[in-house]
Amino acid sequence: KRHFDLFIRAVERGVVYPCLCSRQDIKIAVQSLASAPHGTDVAPSLQYSGKCRNLALGSLDKTNLHTVTWRFKNENIAGIDDFSIARTSGLALEFSDFVPAYQWACAIDDWDGRYDVLVRAWDLSPVIKAQRAVQRFVAQLENIENPKLPCVFHTALVTHDDGSRL
């Protein structure tokens, strides 16, 4: 419920926006962010185009939308650093249709846990910037100036003898 409540507040404040790009557009633009990448090239080389960043929520035709991706507005006004934080069925914004993305849920859980140090596998290092942005947003909502964000240490994955991940 906390993830959804913060999501609604982010929508109300214009911090997140609906992305209406086709599944193919999204797949191409954020292919390496759809799930934690597992390989030697973990940095995403593709950037989101920012195409939907300035859509007016009230002007959208809500009847033809099936699945909507919600993106977090990052500092770059072109939208190329905006990242996916959730999916919903249409624009109704019902709790039962809300599916948070890893970087949204994890960032909020880490913030709420008030952790000082986190240990994560190296394959999750590309999402730390997104998690930091979410945590700064939550801190702003809670009127916390200069928030103390957890230190994150990225370590090797545990693997089988042949090097494949467990």
Foldseek 3Di string as FASTA:
>chain_A
DVLLVVVVVCVVVLQKDWDPDDPVLCCVQCVLPQDQDDDDPLADPHFRQCVGSPPDPVPDDQPPFAKIWMWGDDDPPRRRPIDTFWMAGTDPSDPVRIDTDPLSVVLVVQLVVVAAEEEEAPSPVNSPVVSVVNSVVVCVVVVHPPDRHHHYHHDHADPDPVRHHD
